[in-house]
């Protein structure tokens, strides 16, 4: 990932195989916010706008430093939209993001 992500997803909540919301950090200039909850609709809108989202975790005692994992993408398949870290996903899945 060449540029810093706009949102770092730390954990996800699923219902019936779809993401309901995620716990994440938003980039605010040179730093990141405290954790925020973002619902599925807002995630889809952000991905459609071209924002960069990644799965990751904050490094302890290092402020806005993250261990980044996979980039999150919007996968369209058979009139469905999936939020996933895999390019050929058939359901929502964020590899490396625990469930909360």
N, C-alpha and C. Protein backbone atom coordinates (compact mmCIF):
# COMPACT_ATOMS: atom_id res chain seq x y z
N UNK A 1 0.85 -1.16 0.00
CA UNK A 1 0.00 0.00 0.00
C UNK A 1 0.90 1.23 0.00
N UNK A 2 0.89 1.97 -1.07
CA UNK A 2 1.78 3.10 -1.24
C UNK A 2 1.42 4.28 -0.34
N UNK A 3 0.18 4.60 -0.27
CA UNK A 3 -0.27 5.74 0.50
C UNK A 3 -0.96 5.25 1.77
N UNK A 4 -0.93 6.07 2.82
CA UNK A 4 -1.59 5.69 4.07
C UNK A 4 -3.08 5.49 3.84
N UNK A 5 -3.67 4.51 4.50
CA UNK A 5 -5.12 4.33 4.34
C UNK A 5 -5.90 5.46 5.00
N UNK A 6 -7.10 5.70 4.50
CA UNK A 6 -7.98 6.71 5.08
C UNK A 6 -8.67 6.16 6.33
N UNK A 7 -8.86 4.84 6.35
CA UNK A 7 -9.51 4.16 7.48
C UNK A 7 -8.77 2.86 7.75
N UNK A 8 -8.48 2.60 9.02
CA UNK A 8 -7.88 1.31 9.42
C UNK A 8 -8.94 0.58 10.24
N UNK A 9 -9.36 -0.59 9.74
CA UNK A 9 -10.39 -1.38 10.40
C UNK A 9 -9.73 -2.33 11.40
N UNK A 10 -10.17 -2.25 12.64
CA UNK A 10 -9.59 -3.05 13.71
C UNK A 10 -10.41 -4.32 13.99
N UNK A 11 -11.73 -4.25 13.90
CA UNK A 11 -12.60 -5.39 14.19
C UNK A 11 -13.92 -5.21 13.45
N UNK A 12 -14.64 -6.32 13.24
CA UNK A 12 -15.89 -6.28 12.50
C UNK A 12 -16.99 -7.03 13.23
N UNK A 13 -18.22 -6.61 12.99
CA UNK A 13 -19.38 -7.31 13.54
C UNK A 13 -20.21 -7.79 12.34
N UNK A 14 -20.56 -9.07 12.35
CA UNK A 14 -21.30 -9.68 11.26
C UNK A 14 -22.69 -10.13 11.73
N UNK A 15 -23.64 -10.16 10.79
CA UNK A 15 -24.95 -10.75 11.04
C UNK A 15 -25.38 -11.41 9.74
N UNK A 16 -25.67 -12.69 9.80
CA UNK A 16 -26.07 -13.47 8.62
C UNK A 16 -25.04 -13.36 7.49
N UNK A 17 -23.76 -13.36 7.83
CA UNK A 17 -22.69 -13.34 6.84
C UNK A 17 -22.36 -11.99 6.25
N UNK A 18 -23.05 -10.93 6.69
CA UNK A 18 -22.77 -9.59 6.19
C UNK A 18 -22.25 -8.71 7.32
N UNK A 19 -21.34 -7.82 6.97
CA UNK A 19 -20.83 -6.88 7.95
C UNK A 19 -21.95 -5.93 8.36
N UNK A 20 -22.13 -5.77 9.66
CA UNK A 20 -23.10 -4.82 10.19
C UNK A 20 -22.40 -3.50 10.48
N UNK A 21 -21.24 -3.59 11.15
CA UNK A 21 -20.43 -2.41 11.45
C UNK A 21 -19.01 -2.84 11.73
N UNK A 22 -18.12 -1.87 11.68
CA UNK A 22 -16.72 -2.13 12.01
C UNK A 22 -16.26 -1.12 13.05
N UNK A 23 -15.25 -1.52 13.82
CA UNK A 23 -14.57 -0.59 14.73
C UNK A 23 -13.29 -0.20 14.01
N UNK A 24 -13.11 1.10 13.84
CA UNK A 24 -12.01 1.56 12.99
C UNK A 24 -11.42 2.87 13.49
N UNK A 25 -10.33 3.27 12.84
CA UNK A 25 -9.67 4.55 13.08
C UNK A 25 -9.68 5.32 11.77
N UNK A 26 -10.06 6.60 11.82
CA UNK A 26 -10.09 7.43 10.63
C UNK A 26 -8.86 8.33 10.59
N UNK A 27 -8.30 8.47 9.38
CA UNK A 27 -7.15 9.37 9.24
C UNK A 27 -7.65 10.81 9.27
N UNK A 28 -6.98 11.60 10.07
CA UNK A 28 -7.30 13.03 10.17
C UNK A 28 -6.01 13.81 10.00
N UNK A 29 -5.67 14.07 8.77
CA UNK A 29 -4.41 14.74 8.48
C UNK A 29 -3.25 13.79 8.70
N UNK A 30 -2.32 14.20 9.55
CA UNK A 30 -1.13 13.38 9.80
C UNK A 30 -1.35 12.35 10.89
N UNK A 31 -2.50 12.37 11.54
CA UNK A 31 -2.76 11.47 12.66
C UNK A 31 -4.07 10.72 12.44
N UNK A 32 -4.44 9.86 13.38
CA UNK A 32 -5.68 9.10 13.31
C UNK A 32 -6.55 9.39 14.52
N UNK A 33 -7.84 9.20 14.35
CA UNK A 33 -8.82 9.42 15.43
C UNK A 33 -8.73 8.30 16.46
N UNK A 34 -9.48 8.46 17.55
CA UNK A 34 -9.75 7.34 18.44
C UNK A 34 -10.68 6.42 17.67
N UNK A 35 -10.95 5.23 18.22
CA UNK A 35 -11.78 4.32 17.43
C UNK A 35 -13.21 4.85 17.28
N UNK A 36 -13.77 4.56 16.12
CA UNK A 36 -15.13 4.95 15.78
C UNK A 36 -15.85 3.71 15.24
N UNK A 37 -17.18 3.73 15.32
CA UNK A 37 -17.99 2.65 14.75
C UNK A 37 -18.55 3.13 13.42
N UNK A 38 -18.36 2.34 12.37
CA UNK A 38 -18.83 2.70 11.04
C UNK A 38 -19.76 1.59 10.55
N UNK A 39 -20.97 1.96 10.16
CA UNK A 39 -21.93 0.98 9.67
C UNK A 39 -21.65 0.60 8.22
N UNK A 40 -22.24 -0.51 7.80
CA UNK A 40 -22.01 -1.07 6.47
C UNK A 40 -22.28 -0.06 5.36
N UNK A 41 -23.39 0.65 5.42
CA UNK A 41 -23.75 1.60 4.37
C UNK A 41 -22.66 2.65 4.19
N UNK A 42 -22.15 3.16 5.30
CA UNK A 42 -21.08 4.17 5.23
C UNK A 42 -19.79 3.57 4.66
N UNK A 43 -19.51 2.31 4.99
CA UNK A 43 -18.31 1.64 4.43
C UNK A 43 -18.42 1.55 2.91
N UNK A 44 -19.58 1.11 2.43
CA UNK A 44 -19.79 0.99 0.99
C UNK A 44 -19.63 2.35 0.31
N UNK A 45 -20.21 3.39 0.90
CA UNK A 45 -20.08 4.74 0.32
C UNK A 45 -18.63 5.19 0.26
N UNK A 46 -17.87 4.92 1.31
CA UNK A 46 -16.45 5.30 1.34
C UNK A 46 -15.66 4.57 0.26
N UNK A 47 -15.93 3.28 0.09
CA UNK A 47 -15.23 2.51 -0.94
C UNK A 47 -15.61 2.99 -2.33
N UNK A 48 -16.88 3.34 -2.53
CA UNK A 48 -17.32 3.86 -3.84
C UNK A 48 -16.68 5.21 -4.15
N UNK A 49 -16.41 6.02 -3.12
CA UNK A 49 -15.76 7.33 -3.31
C UNK A 49 -14.27 7.19 -3.62
N UNK A 50 -13.72 5.99 -3.40
CA UNK A 50 -12.31 5.79 -3.68
C UNK A 50 -11.40 5.92 -2.47
N UNK A 51 -11.99 5.98 -1.27
CA UNK A 51 -11.15 6.02 -0.07
C UNK A 51 -10.44 4.68 0.10
N UNK A 52 -9.26 4.72 0.71
CA UNK A 52 -8.49 3.51 0.97
C UNK A 52 -8.79 3.02 2.38
N UNK A 53 -9.18 1.74 2.47
CA UNK A 53 -9.44 1.11 3.75
C UNK A 53 -8.53 -0.10 3.87
N UNK A 54 -8.04 -0.35 5.07
CA UNK A 54 -7.18 -1.50 5.30
C UNK A 54 -7.52 -2.10 6.67
N UNK A 55 -7.23 -3.38 6.80
CA UNK A 55 -7.35 -4.05 8.09
C UNK A 55 -6.03 -3.85 8.81
N UNK A 56 -6.08 -3.60 10.11
CA UNK A 56 -4.85 -3.40 10.86
C UNK A 56 -5.13 -3.26 12.34
N UNK A 57 -4.06 -3.08 13.09
CA UNK A 57 -4.19 -2.88 14.53
C UNK A 57 -3.19 -1.81 14.96
N UNK A 58 -3.58 -1.05 15.95
CA UNK A 58 -2.74 0.03 16.46
C UNK A 58 -1.60 -0.56 17.28
N UNK A 59 -0.40 -0.06 17.08
CA UNK A 59 0.74 -0.52 17.87
C UNK A 59 0.70 0.16 19.23
N UNK A 60 0.86 -0.62 20.26
CA UNK A 60 0.77 -0.12 21.62
C UNK A 60 1.82 0.95 21.91
N UNK A 61 1.40 2.03 22.53
CA UNK A 61 2.25 3.15 22.94
C UNK A 61 2.93 3.87 21.78
N UNK A 62 2.37 3.77 20.57
CA UNK A 62 2.98 4.43 19.41
C UNK A 62 1.98 5.30 18.65
N UNK A 63 1.03 5.87 19.35
CA UNK A 63 0.07 6.83 18.80
C UNK A 63 -0.55 6.38 17.48
N UNK A 64 -0.22 7.02 16.38
CA UNK A 64 -0.85 6.73 15.09
C UNK A 64 -0.04 5.78 14.22
N UNK A 65 0.58 4.79 14.85
CA UNK A 65 1.34 3.79 14.11
C UNK A 65 0.55 2.49 14.12
N UNK A 66 0.38 1.90 12.94
CA UNK A 66 -0.43 0.69 12.79
C UNK A 66 0.36 -0.43 12.14
N UNK A 67 0.01 -1.66 12.51
CA UNK A 67 0.45 -2.85 11.78
C UNK A 67 -0.64 -3.10 10.75
N UNK A 68 -0.34 -2.84 9.49
CA UNK A 68 -1.36 -2.95 8.46
C UNK A 68 -1.39 -4.34 7.84
N UNK A 69 -2.60 -4.78 7.54
CA UNK A 69 -2.80 -6.05 6.85
C UNK A 69 -3.26 -5.78 5.43
N UNK A 70 -4.26 -6.52 5.01
CA UNK A 70 -4.77 -6.43 3.64
C UNK A 70 -5.61 -5.19 3.41
N UNK A 71 -5.62 -4.75 2.16
CA UNK A 71 -6.47 -3.63 1.76
C UNK A 71 -7.89 -4.14 1.56
N UNK A 72 -8.87 -3.33 1.91
CA UNK A 72 -10.28 -3.70 1.80
C UNK A 72 -10.80 -3.17 0.47
N UNK A 73 -11.65 -3.97 -0.19
CA UNK A 73 -12.18 -3.57 -1.47
C UNK A 73 -13.66 -3.93 -1.58
N UNK A 74 -14.33 -3.29 -2.51
CA UNK A 74 -15.73 -3.57 -2.77
C UNK A 74 -15.77 -4.50 -3.97
N UNK A 75 -16.29 -5.71 -3.77
CA UNK A 75 -16.34 -6.72 -4.83
C UNK A 75 -17.78 -6.82 -5.30
N UNK A 76 -18.00 -6.58 -6.59
CA UNK A 76 -19.35 -6.69 -7.16
C UNK A 76 -19.43 -8.00 -7.94
N UNK A 77 -20.50 -8.76 -7.61
CA UNK A 77 -20.66 -10.07 -8.25
C UNK A 77 -22.14 -10.43 -8.27
N UNK A 78 -22.71 -10.69 -9.43
CA UNK A 78 -24.11 -11.11 -9.56
C UNK A 78 -25.06 -10.19 -8.81
N UNK A 79 -25.00 -8.91 -9.07
CA UNK A 79 -25.87 -7.90 -8.43
C UNK A 79 -25.72 -7.80 -6.92
N UNK A 80 -24.62 -8.31 -6.37
CA UNK A 80 -24.34 -8.19 -4.94
C UNK A 80 -23.03 -7.43 -4.76
N UNK A 81 -22.93 -6.71 -3.66
CA UNK A 81 -21.70 -6.02 -3.31
C UNK A 81 -21.18 -6.61 -2.02
N UNK A 82 -19.92 -7.03 -2.04
CA UNK A 82 -19.28 -7.62 -0.87
C UNK A 82 -18.13 -6.74 -0.44
N UNK A 83 -17.94 -6.62 0.87
CA UNK A 83 -16.81 -5.90 1.43
C UNK A 83 -15.82 -6.97 1.84
N UNK A 84 -14.64 -6.97 1.22
CA UNK A 84 -13.72 -8.07 1.45
C UNK A 84 -12.26 -7.67 1.25
N UNK A 85 -11.38 -8.50 1.77
CA UNK A 85 -9.95 -8.33 1.52
C UNK A 85 -9.50 -9.24 0.39
N UNK A 86 -10.42 -10.07 -0.11
CA UNK A 86 -10.11 -10.99 -1.22
C UNK A 86 -10.78 -10.51 -2.50
N UNK A 87 -10.09 -10.53 -3.63
CA UNK A 87 -10.65 -9.98 -4.88
C UNK A 87 -11.81 -10.78 -5.46
N UNK A 88 -11.94 -12.07 -5.16
CA UNK A 88 -13.01 -12.89 -5.73
C UNK A 88 -13.93 -13.41 -4.64
N UNK A 89 -14.30 -12.54 -3.73
CA UNK A 89 -15.12 -12.93 -2.59
C UNK A 89 -16.56 -13.21 -3.00
N UNK A 90 -17.20 -14.11 -2.25
CA UNK A 90 -18.62 -14.40 -2.46
C UNK A 90 -19.42 -14.08 -1.20
N UNK A 91 -18.76 -13.43 -0.23
CA UNK A 91 -19.41 -12.96 0.99
C UNK A 91 -18.51 -11.92 1.63
N UNK A 92 -19.03 -11.22 2.62
CA UNK A 92 -18.21 -10.25 3.34
C UNK A 92 -17.18 -10.98 4.16
N UNK A 93 -15.93 -10.57 4.06
CA UNK A 93 -14.89 -11.17 4.90
C UNK A 93 -13.69 -10.22 4.97
N UNK A 94 -13.28 -9.98 6.20
CA UNK A 94 -12.12 -9.13 6.43
C UNK A 94 -11.07 -9.97 7.13
N UNK A 95 -10.17 -10.55 6.35
CA UNK A 95 -9.11 -11.40 6.91
C UNK A 95 -8.24 -10.58 7.85
N UNK A 96 -8.04 -11.10 9.05
CA UNK A 96 -7.19 -10.44 10.02
C UNK A 96 -7.94 -9.52 10.97
N UNK A 97 -9.23 -9.32 10.75
CA UNK A 97 -10.03 -8.46 11.64
C UNK A 97 -10.88 -9.35 12.54
N UNK A 98 -10.62 -9.33 13.84
CA UNK A 98 -11.43 -10.17 14.74
C UNK A 98 -12.87 -9.67 14.83
N UNK A 99 -13.73 -10.54 15.32
CA UNK A 99 -15.14 -10.19 15.51
C UNK A 99 -15.31 -9.52 16.87
N UNK A 100 -16.13 -8.49 16.95
CA UNK A 100 -16.43 -7.86 18.24
C UNK A 100 -17.91 -7.87 18.50
